[in-house]
Protein backbone atom coordinates (compact mmCIF):
# COMPACT_ATOMS: atom_id res chain seq x y z
CA MET A 1 -4.52 -0.02 22.26
CA PRO A 2 -5.17 -1.16 18.67
CA GLU A 3 -3.38 -4.18 17.22
CA MET A 4 -0.41 -2.95 15.17
CA VAL A 5 0.31 -4.90 11.99
CA ARG A 6 2.57 -4.92 8.94
CA ALA A 7 1.43 -5.92 5.45
CA HIS A 8 3.61 -6.53 2.40
CA ILE A 9 1.38 -5.84 -0.61
CA PHE A 10 1.76 -6.65 -4.31
CA VAL A 11 -0.77 -5.17 -6.74
CA ARG A 12 -1.17 -6.69 -10.22
CA GLY A 13 -2.86 -5.26 -13.29
CA PHE A 14 -2.66 -1.94 -15.12
CA VAL A 15 -1.24 -0.10 -12.11
CA GLN A 16 1.76 1.85 -13.43
CA GLY A 17 1.52 5.19 -15.19
CA VAL A 18 -1.87 5.95 -13.62
CA GLY A 19 -0.78 7.72 -10.42
CA PHE A 20 -1.13 4.62 -8.26
CA ARG A 21 1.88 5.38 -6.02
CA TRP A 22 0.93 9.03 -5.52
CA SER A 23 -2.66 8.13 -4.75
CA MET A 24 -1.65 5.37 -2.35
CA GLN A 25 0.66 7.79 -0.54
CA ARG A 26 -2.19 10.30 -0.16
CA VAL A 27 -4.62 7.66 1.14
CA ALA A 28 -2.01 6.15 3.49
CA ARG A 29 -1.25 9.56 4.97
CA GLU A 30 -4.97 10.28 5.39
CA LEU A 31 -5.33 6.95 7.22
CA GLY A 32 -2.25 7.62 9.36
CA VAL A 33 -0.35 4.50 8.33
CA THR A 34 3.36 4.39 7.53
CA GLY A 35 5.59 2.55 5.06
CA TRP A 36 6.44 2.88 1.39
CA VAL A 37 5.29 2.09 -2.15
CA ARG A 38 7.21 1.53 -5.40
CA ASN A 39 6.86 0.27 -8.96
CA LEU A 40 8.42 -3.08 -9.85
CA SER A 41 10.04 -3.85 -13.20
CA ASP A 42 7.44 -6.59 -13.88
CA GLY A 43 4.59 -4.05 -13.90
CA ARG A 44 3.34 -4.62 -10.35
CA VAL A 45 3.24 -2.12 -7.50
CA GLU A 46 4.79 -3.19 -4.18
CA ALA A 47 4.07 -1.61 -0.80
CA VAL A 48 4.91 -2.22 2.84
CA VAL A 49 2.39 -0.73 5.27
CA GLU A 50 2.39 -0.54 9.06
CA GLY A 51 -0.23 0.71 11.48
CA PRO A 52 -3.42 -0.24 13.28
CA ARG A 53 -4.99 -3.32 11.69
CA ASP A 54 -8.26 -1.59 10.71
CA ARG A 55 -6.42 1.23 8.92
CA VAL A 56 -4.02 -1.12 7.12
CA GLU A 57 -7.01 -3.20 6.01
CA ARG A 58 -8.70 -0.03 4.70
CA LEU A 59 -5.60 0.77 2.62
CA ILE A 60 -5.60 -2.79 1.25
CA ALA A 61 -9.28 -2.39 0.33
CA TRP A 62 -8.41 0.84 -1.48
CA ALA A 63 -5.57 -0.94 -3.34
CA ARG A 64 -8.08 -3.48 -4.69
CA ARG A 65 -9.71 -0.59 -6.60
CA GLY A 66 -6.82 1.85 -7.02
CA PRO A 67 -7.09 5.35 -8.46
CA ARG A 68 -9.09 6.35 -11.52
CA GLY A 69 -7.43 4.91 -14.62
CA ALA A 70 -6.05 1.84 -12.87
CA TRP A 71 -7.28 -1.68 -13.53
CA VAL A 72 -6.43 -3.92 -10.59
CA GLU A 73 -6.27 -7.60 -11.48
CA GLY A 74 -5.37 -8.76 -7.99
CA VAL A 75 -3.75 -7.91 -4.68
CA ASP A 76 -1.51 -10.31 -2.79
CA VAL A 77 -0.93 -9.60 0.90
CA GLN A 78 1.71 -11.14 3.13
CA TRP A 79 1.22 -10.38 6.82
CA GLU A 80 4.51 -9.84 8.64
CA GLU A 81 5.60 -9.00 12.15
CA TYR A 82 5.08 -5.33 13.03
CA ARG A 83 8.42 -3.51 13.32
CA GLY A 84 7.49 0.15 13.78
CA GLU A 85 10.37 1.24 11.57
CA PHE A 86 8.71 4.03 9.55
CA SER A 87 7.76 7.58 10.47
CA ASP A 88 5.90 8.46 7.24
CA PHE A 89 4.56 6.87 4.04
CA THR A 90 6.95 7.46 1.16
CA ILE A 91 7.38 6.66 -2.52
CA ARG A 92 10.50 4.67 -3.35
CA TYR A 93 12.22 4.77 -6.72
């Protein structure tokens, strides 16, 4: 059984108004990970992702590039205890 992990992600740069949340939701669903993503008032994007470690790491790698039109300055990741509390990957407002 794969190691299940939880990552709390903060993405800095030009990441709002470029479809970042929608693209992250699509990629997360393709990878089969769960959680949520939202814009923050300071211009960052925040996400919480749960799933097998290799898939969560692939989503983090994607976040370092982002969708076309985004300019990612940096990604901060805080690893947390896996909780298994999500059934899908959603966009929060």
